[in-house]
């Protein structure tokens, strides 16, 4: 698998855990943590998050194991 695919998959996994783990908390906290506004922000972050993470890790994604490191950043 390519590094970009791994980066996007890892970002989605972290975001999925961020929306799923509050279910383990007491029920009275549920409305505050999983409100309609927070779910909308979560859905937006599922689209924007991988783009930001790939941009931030672009030099790592471009490097190929065994090749000399690129210095054109």
PDB file of N, CA and C in Angstrom:
ATOM      1  N   UNK A   1       0.827  -1.187   0.000  1.00  0.00           N
ATOM      2  CA  UNK A   1       0.000   0.000   0.000  1.00  0.00           C
ATOM      3  C   UNK A   1       0.868   1.246   0.000  1.00  0.00           C
ATOM      4  N   UNK A   2       0.367   2.267  -0.624  1.00  0.00           N
ATOM      5  CA  UNK A   2       1.150   3.498  -0.663  1.00  0.00           C
ATOM      6  C   UNK A   2       1.046   4.243   0.662  1.00  0.00           C
ATOM      7  N   UNK A   3       1.990   5.122   0.875  1.00  0.00           N
ATOM      8  CA  UNK A   3       2.011   5.889   2.121  1.00  0.00           C
ATOM      9  C   UNK A   3       0.812   6.828   2.221  1.00  0.00           C
ATOM     10  N   UNK A   4       0.356   7.352   1.103  1.00  0.00           N
ATOM     11  CA  UNK A   4      -0.802   8.257   1.126  1.00  0.00           C
ATOM     12  C   UNK A   4      -2.064   7.505   1.545  1.00  0.00           C
ATOM     13  N   UNK A   5      -2.233   6.290   1.042  1.00  0.00           N
ATOM     14  CA  UNK A   5      -3.401   5.493   1.415  1.00  0.00           C
ATOM     15  C   UNK A   5      -3.342   5.140   2.899  1.00  0.00           C
ATOM     16  N   UNK A   6      -2.164   4.790   3.381  1.00  0.00           N
ATOM     17  CA  UNK A   6      -2.007   4.496   4.806  1.00  0.00           C
ATOM     18  C   UNK A   6      -2.291   5.723   5.665  1.00  0.00           C
ATOM     19  N   UNK A   7      -1.869   6.884   5.203  1.00  0.00           N
ATOM     20  CA  UNK A   7      -2.103   8.123   5.939  1.00  0.00           C
ATOM     21  C   UNK A   7      -3.595   8.436   6.016  1.00  0.00           C
ATOM     22  N   UNK A   8      -4.300   8.318   4.903  1.00  0.00           N
ATOM     23  CA  UNK A   8      -5.745   8.593   4.888  1.00  0.00           C
ATOM     24  C   UNK A   8      -6.483   7.571   5.745  1.00  0.00           C
ATOM     25  N   UNK A   9      -6.122   6.303   5.623  1.00  0.00           N
ATOM     26  CA  UNK A   9      -6.773   5.261   6.413  1.00  0.00           C
ATOM     27  C   UNK A   9      -6.527   5.470   7.906  1.00  0.00           C
ATOM     28  N   UNK A  10      -5.308   5.816   8.270  1.00  0.00           N
ATOM     29  CA  UNK A  10      -4.994   6.082   9.672  1.00  0.00           C
ATOM     30  C   UNK A  10      -5.747   7.278  10.218  1.00  0.00           C
ATOM     31  N   UNK A  11      -5.885   8.318   9.405  1.00  0.00           N
ATOM     32  CA  UNK A  11      -6.633   9.506   9.825  1.00  0.00           C
ATOM     33  C   UNK A  11      -8.102   9.164  10.042  1.00  0.00           C
ATOM     34  N   UNK A  12      -8.692   8.402   9.113  1.00  0.00           N
ATOM     35  CA  UNK A  12     -10.085   8.005   9.264  1.00  0.00           C
ATOM     36  C   UNK A  12     -10.282   7.102  10.481  1.00  0.00           C
ATOM     37  N   UNK A  13      -9.320   6.240  10.759  1.00  0.00           N
ATOM     38  CA  UNK A  13      -9.418   5.364  11.932  1.00  0.00           C
ATOM     39  C   UNK A  13      -9.417   6.191  13.223  1.00  0.00           C
ATOM     40  N   UNK A  14      -8.529   7.167  13.305  1.00  0.00           N
ATOM     41  CA  UNK A  14      -8.477   8.033  14.489  1.00  0.00           C
ATOM     42  C   UNK A  14      -9.780   8.822  14.632  1.00  0.00           C
ATOM     43  N   UNK A  15     -10.298   9.344  13.524  1.00  0.00           N
ATOM     44  CA  UNK A  15     -11.548  10.100  13.588  1.00  0.00           C
ATOM     45  C   UNK A  15     -12.732   9.196  13.938  1.00  0.00           C
ATOM     46  N   UNK A  16     -12.726   7.974  13.460  1.00  0.00           N
ATOM     47  CA  UNK A  16     -13.785   7.033  13.821  1.00  0.00           C
ATOM     48  C   UNK A  16     -13.743   6.711  15.311  1.00  0.00           C
ATOM     49  N   UNK A  17     -12.552   6.503  15.838  1.00  0.00           N
ATOM     50  CA  UNK A  17     -12.425   6.239  17.270  1.00  0.00           C
ATOM     51  C   UNK A  17     -12.859   7.453  18.089  1.00  0.00           C
ATOM     52  N   UNK A  18     -12.596   8.635  17.586  1.00  0.00           N
ATOM     53  CA  UNK A  18     -12.990   9.850  18.299  1.00  0.00           C
ATOM     54  C   UNK A  18     -14.503   9.984  18.409  1.00  0.00           C
ATOM     55  N   UNK A  19     -15.245   9.471  17.438  1.00  0.00           N
ATOM     56  CA  UNK A  19     -16.707   9.545  17.513  1.00  0.00           C
ATOM     57  C   UNK A  19     -17.288   8.322  18.218  1.00  0.00           C
ATOM     58  N   UNK A  20     -16.564   7.197  18.240  1.00  0.00           N
ATOM     59  CA  UNK A  20     -17.090   5.969  18.836  1.00  0.00           C
ATOM     60  C   UNK A  20     -16.793   5.857  20.330  1.00  0.00           C
ATOM     61  N   UNK A  21     -15.662   6.351  20.781  1.00  0.00           N
ATOM     62  CA  UNK A  21     -15.274   6.184  22.182  1.00  0.00           C
ATOM     63  C   UNK A  21     -16.171   6.909  23.186  1.00  0.00           C
ATOM     64  N   UNK A  22     -16.771   8.038  22.871  1.00  0.00           N
ATOM     65  CA  UNK A  22     -17.673   8.650  23.853  1.00  0.00           C
ATOM     66  C   UNK A  22     -18.859   7.765  24.236  1.00  0.00           C
ATOM     67  N   UNK A  23     -19.167   6.750  23.454  1.00  0.00           N
ATOM     68  CA  UNK A  23     -20.247   5.827  23.804  1.00  0.00           C
ATOM     69  C   UNK A  23     -19.916   5.056  25.087  1.00  0.00           C
ATOM     70  N   UNK A  24     -18.647   4.977  25.447  1.00  0.00           N
ATOM     71  CA  UNK A  24     -18.242   4.289  26.661  1.00  0.00           C
ATOM     72  C   UNK A  24     -18.414   5.156  27.906  1.00  0.00           C
ATOM     73  N   UNK A  25     -18.628   6.441  27.721  1.00  0.00           N
ATOM     74  CA  UNK A  25     -18.798   7.367  28.844  1.00  0.00           C
ATOM     75  C   UNK A  25     -20.238   7.298  29.374  1.00  0.00           C
ATOM     76  N   UNK A  26     -20.492   7.867  30.544  1.00  0.00           N
ATOM     77  CA  UNK A  26     -21.862   7.866  31.075  1.00  0.00           C
ATOM     78  C   UNK A  26     -22.846   8.500  30.094  1.00  0.00           C
ATOM     79  N   UNK A  27     -24.073   8.020  30.137  1.00  0.00           N
ATOM     80  CA  UNK A  27     -25.085   8.438  29.165  1.00  0.00           C
ATOM     81  C   UNK A  27     -25.411   9.926  29.234  1.00  0.00           C
ATOM     82  N   UNK A  28     -25.334  10.522  30.403  1.00  0.00           N
ATOM     83  CA  UNK A  28     -25.675  11.946  30.520  1.00  0.00           C
ATOM     84  C   UNK A  28     -24.688  12.839  29.780  1.00  0.00           C
ATOM     85  N   UNK A  29     -23.477  12.352  29.506  1.00  0.00           N
ATOM     86  CA  UNK A  29     -22.495  13.121  28.740  1.00  0.00           C
ATOM     87  C   UNK A  29     -22.722  12.984  27.240  1.00  0.00           C
ATOM     88  N   UNK A  30     -23.503  12.008  26.854  1.00  0.00           N
ATOM     89  CA  UNK A  30     -23.685  11.698  25.436  1.00  0.00           C
ATOM     90  C   UNK A  30     -24.188  12.856  24.611  1.00  0.00           C
ATOM     91  N   UNK A  31     -25.166  13.604  25.150  1.00  0.00           N
ATOM     92  CA  UNK A  31     -25.720  14.710  24.371  1.00  0.00           C
ATOM     93  C   UNK A  31     -24.680  15.785  24.107  1.00  0.00           C
ATOM     94  N   UNK A  32     -23.812  16.026  25.048  1.00  0.00           N
ATOM     95  CA  UNK A  32     -22.813  17.085  24.881  1.00  0.00           C
ATOM     96  C   UNK A  32     -21.691  16.659  23.941  1.00  0.00           C
ATOM     97  N   UNK A  33     -21.337  15.386  23.960  1.00  0.00           N
ATOM     98  CA  UNK A  33     -20.226  14.919  23.133  1.00  0.00           C
ATOM     99  C   UNK A  33     -20.676  14.520  21.733  1.00  0.00           C
ATOM    100  N   UNK A  34     -21.911  14.021  21.625  1.00  0.00           N
ATOM    101  CA  UNK A  34     -22.398  13.598  20.312  1.00  0.00           C
ATOM    102  C   UNK A  34     -23.670  14.384  19.999  1.00  0.00           C
ATOM    103  N   UNK A  35     -23.540  15.667  19.949  1.00  0.00           N
ATOM    104  CA  UNK A  35     -24.650  16.542  19.581  1.00  0.00           C
ATOM    105  C   UNK A  35     -24.682  16.680  18.056  1.00  0.00           C
ATOM    106  N   UNK A  36     -25.766  17.182  17.504  1.00  0.00           N
ATOM    107  CA  UNK A  36     -25.815  17.376  16.047  1.00  0.00           C
ATOM    108  C   UNK A  36     -24.673  18.246  15.519  1.00  0.00           C
ATOM    109  N   UNK A  37     -24.297  19.269  16.273  1.00  0.00           N
ATOM    110  CA  UNK A  37     -23.209  20.132  15.818  1.00  0.00           C
ATOM    111  C   UNK A  37     -21.878  19.381  15.800  1.00  0.00           C
ATOM    112  N   UNK A  38     -21.617  18.577  16.825  1.00  0.00           N
ATOM    113  CA  UNK A  38     -20.342  17.849  16.851  1.00  0.00           C
ATOM    114  C   UNK A  38     -20.294  16.776  15.774  1.00  0.00           C
ATOM    115  N   UNK A  39     -21.447  16.177  15.453  1.00  0.00           N
ATOM    116  CA  UNK A  39     -21.473  15.178  14.378  1.00  0.00           C
ATOM    117  C   UNK A  39     -21.218  15.852  13.031  1.00  0.00           C
ATOM    118  N   UNK A  40     -21.769  17.036  12.832  1.00  0.00           N
ATOM    119  CA  UNK A  40     -21.500  17.773  11.575  1.00  0.00           C
ATOM    120  C   UNK A  40     -20.025  18.145  11.461  1.00  0.00           C
ATOM    121  N   UNK A  41     -19.439  18.591  12.562  1.00  0.00           N
ATOM    122  CA  UNK A  41     -18.006  18.901  12.548  1.00  0.00           C
ATOM    123  C   UNK A  41     -17.182  17.648  12.297  1.00  0.00           C
ATOM    124  N   UNK A  42     -17.604  16.519  12.864  1.00  0.00           N
ATOM    125  CA  UNK A  42     -16.899  15.256  12.642  1.00  0.00           C
ATOM    126  C   UNK A  42     -16.973  14.850  11.172  1.00  0.00           C
ATOM    127  N   UNK A  43     -18.158  14.993  10.566  1.00  0.00           N
ATOM    128  CA  UNK A  43     -18.292  14.641   9.150  1.00  0.00           C
ATOM    129  C   UNK A  43     -17.428  15.547   8.275  1.00  0.00           C
ATOM    130  N   UNK A  44     -17.350  16.813   8.620  1.00  0.00           N
ATOM    131  CA  UNK A  44     -16.485  17.732   7.886  1.00  0.00           C
ATOM    132  C   UNK A  44     -15.017  17.348   8.055  1.00  0.00           C
ATOM    133  N   UNK A  45     -14.643  16.938   9.262  1.00  0.00           N
ATOM    134  CA  UNK A  45     -13.247  16.547   9.496  1.00  0.00           C
ATOM    135  C   UNK A  45     -12.892  15.248   8.781  1.00  0.00           C
ATOM    136  N   UNK A  46     -13.878  14.398   8.483  1.00  0.00           N
ATOM    137  CA  UNK A  46     -13.605  13.175   7.717  1.00  0.00           C
ATOM    138  C   UNK A  46     -13.183  13.510   6.288  1.00  0.00           C
ATOM    139  N   UNK A  47     -13.603  14.666   5.797  1.00  0.00           N
ATOM    140  CA  UNK A  47     -13.228  15.092   4.444  1.00  0.00           C
ATOM    141  C   UNK A  47     -11.955  15.930   4.476  1.00  0.00           C
ATOM    142  N   UNK A  48     -11.890  16.882   5.384  1.00  0.00           N
ATOM    143  CA  UNK A  48     -10.784  17.834   5.427  1.00  0.00           C
ATOM    144  C   UNK A  48      -9.553  17.247   6.127  1.00  0.00           C
ATOM    145  N   UNK A  49      -9.756  16.410   7.136  1.00  0.00           N
ATOM    146  CA  UNK A  49      -8.658  15.854   7.930  1.00  0.00           C
ATOM    147  C   UNK A  49      -7.587  15.139   7.124  1.00  0.00           C
ATOM    148  N   UNK A  50      -7.957  14.176   6.268  1.00  0.00           N
ATOM    149  CA  UNK A  50      -6.921  13.489   5.485  1.00  0.00           C
ATOM    150  C   UNK A  50      -6.129  14.415   4.567  1.00  0.00           C
ATOM    151  N   UNK A  51      -6.772  15.445   4.040  1.00  0.00           N
ATOM    152  CA  UNK A  51      -6.064  16.395   3.177  1.00  0.00           C
ATOM    153  C   UNK A  51      -5.009  17.140   3.983  1.00  0.00           C
ATOM    154  N   UNK A  52      -5.382  17.596   5.167  1.00  0.00           N
ATOM    155  CA  UNK A  52      -4.450  18.329   6.022  1.00  0.00           C
ATOM    156  C   UNK A  52      -3.297  17.427   6.463  1.00  0.00           C
ATOM    157  N   UNK A  53      -3.606  16.195   6.851  1.00  0.00           N
ATOM    158  CA  UNK A  53      -2.561  15.268   7.305  1.00  0.00           C
ATOM    159  C   UNK A  53      -1.616  14.918   6.157  1.00  0.00           C
ATOM    160  N   UNK A  54      -2.150  14.669   4.977  1.00  0.00           N
ATOM    161  CA  UNK A  54      -1.280  14.376   3.823  1.00  0.00           C
ATOM    162  C   UNK A  54      -0.407  15.575   3.476  1.00  0.00           C
ATOM    163  N   UNK A  55      -0.951  16.782   3.582  1.00  0.00           N
ATOM    164  CA  UNK A  55      -0.141  17.970   3.313  1.00  0.00           C
ATOM    165  C   UNK A  55       0.960  18.106   4.349  1.00  0.00           C
ATOM    166  N   UNK A  56       0.638  17.842   5.607  1.00  0.00           N
ATOM    167  CA  UNK A  56       1.624  17.966   6.678  1.00  0.00           C
ATOM    168  C   UNK A  56       2.723  16.909   6.547  1.00  0.00           C
ATOM    169  N   UNK A  57       2.387  15.714   6.089  1.00  0.00           N
ATOM    170  CA  UNK A  57       3.351  14.616   5.970  1.00  0.00           C
ATOM    171  C   UNK A  57       3.841  14.421   4.528  1.00  0.00           C
ATOM    172  N   UNK A  58       3.722  15.460   3.704  1.00  0.00           N
ATOM    173  CA  UNK A  58       4.056  15.310   2.284  1.00  0.00           C
ATOM    174  C   UNK A  58       5.507  14.900   2.034  1.00  0.00           C
ATOM    175  N   UNK A  59       6.447  15.357   2.843  1.00  0.00           N
ATOM    176  CA  UNK A  59       7.845  14.967   2.611  1.00  0.00           C
ATOM    177  C   UNK A  59       8.051  13.488   2.953  1.00  0.00           C
ATOM    178  N   UNK A  60       7.362  12.974   3.970  1.00  0.00           N
ATOM    179  CA  UNK A  60       7.466  11.553   4.301  1.00  0.00           C
ATOM    180  C   UNK A  60       6.802  10.701   3.233  1.00  0.00           C
ATOM    181  N   UNK A  61       5.682  11.180   2.693  1.00  0.00           N
ATOM    182  CA  UNK A  61       4.968  10.428   1.660  1.00  0.00           C
ATOM    183  C   UNK A  61       5.793  10.346   0.384  1.00  0.00           C
ATOM    184  N   UNK A  62       6.549  11.401   0.060  1.00  0.00           N
ATOM    185  CA  UNK A  62       7.337  11.417  -1.173  1.00  0.00           C
ATOM    186  C   UNK A  62       8.578  10.546  -1.125  1.00  0.00           C
ATOM    187  N   UNK A  63       9.122  10.291   0.052  1.00  0.00           N
ATOM    188  CA  UNK A  63      10.365   9.523   0.130  1.00  0.00           C
ATOM    189  C   UNK A  63      10.112   8.055  -0.194  1.00  0.00           C
ATOM    190  N   UNK A  64      11.082   7.461  -0.842  1.00  0.00           N
ATOM    191  CA  UNK A  64      11.016   6.049  -1.209  1.00  0.00           C
ATOM    192  C   UNK A  64      12.105   5.323  -0.434  1.00  0.00           C
ATOM    193  N   UNK A  65      11.756   4.216   0.255  1.00  0.00           N
ATOM    194  CA  UNK A  65      12.781   3.490   0.997  1.00  0.00           C
ATOM    195  C   UNK A  65      13.902   3.013   0.071  1.00  0.00           C
ATOM    196  N   UNK A  66      15.115   3.240   0.467  1.00  0.00           N
ATOM    197  CA  UNK A  66      16.286   2.796  -0.310  1.00  0.00           C
ATOM    198  C   UNK A  66      16.825   3.852  -1.255  1.00  0.00           C
ATOM    199  N   UNK A  67      16.082   4.916  -1.502  1.00  0.00           N
ATOM    200  CA  UNK A  67      16.541   5.993  -2.375  1.00  0.00           C
ATOM    201  C   UNK A  67      17.084   7.123  -1.517  1.00  0.00           C
ATOM    202  N   UNK A  68      18.046   7.875  -2.051  1.00  0.00           N
ATOM    203  CA  UNK A  68      18.543   9.023  -1.309  1.00  0.00           C
ATOM    204  C   UNK A  68      17.417  10.012  -1.028  1.00  0.00           C
ATOM    205  N   UNK A  69      17.506  10.686   0.096  1.00  0.00           N
ATOM    206  CA  UNK A  69      16.457  11.618   0.496  1.00  0.00           C
ATOM    207  C   UNK A  69      16.448  12.834  -0.419  1.00  0.00           C
ATOM    208  N   UNK A  70      15.249  13.304  -0.764  1.00  0.00           N
ATOM    209  CA  UNK A  70      15.115  14.487  -1.601  1.00  0.00           C
ATOM    210  C   UNK A  70      15.322  15.736  -0.781  1.00  0.00           C
ATOM    211  N   UNK A  71      16.068  16.679  -1.317  1.00  0.00           N
ATOM    212  CA  UNK A  71      16.351  17.907  -0.600  1.00  0.00           C
ATOM    213  C   UNK A  71      15.691  19.123  -1.227  1.00  0.00           C
ATOM    214  N   UNK A  72      14.681  18.907  -2.073  1.00  0.00           N
ATOM    215  CA  UNK A  72      14.054  20.017  -2.792  1.00  0.00           C
ATOM    216  C   UNK A  72      12.821  20.555  -2.101  1.00  0.00           C
ATOM    217  N   UNK A  73      12.687  20.400  -0.778  1.00  0.00           N
ATOM    218  CA  UNK A  73      11.510  20.882  -0.039  1.00  0.00           C
ATOM    219  C   UNK A  73      11.505  22.359   0.072  1.00  0.00           C
TER     220      UNK A  73
END
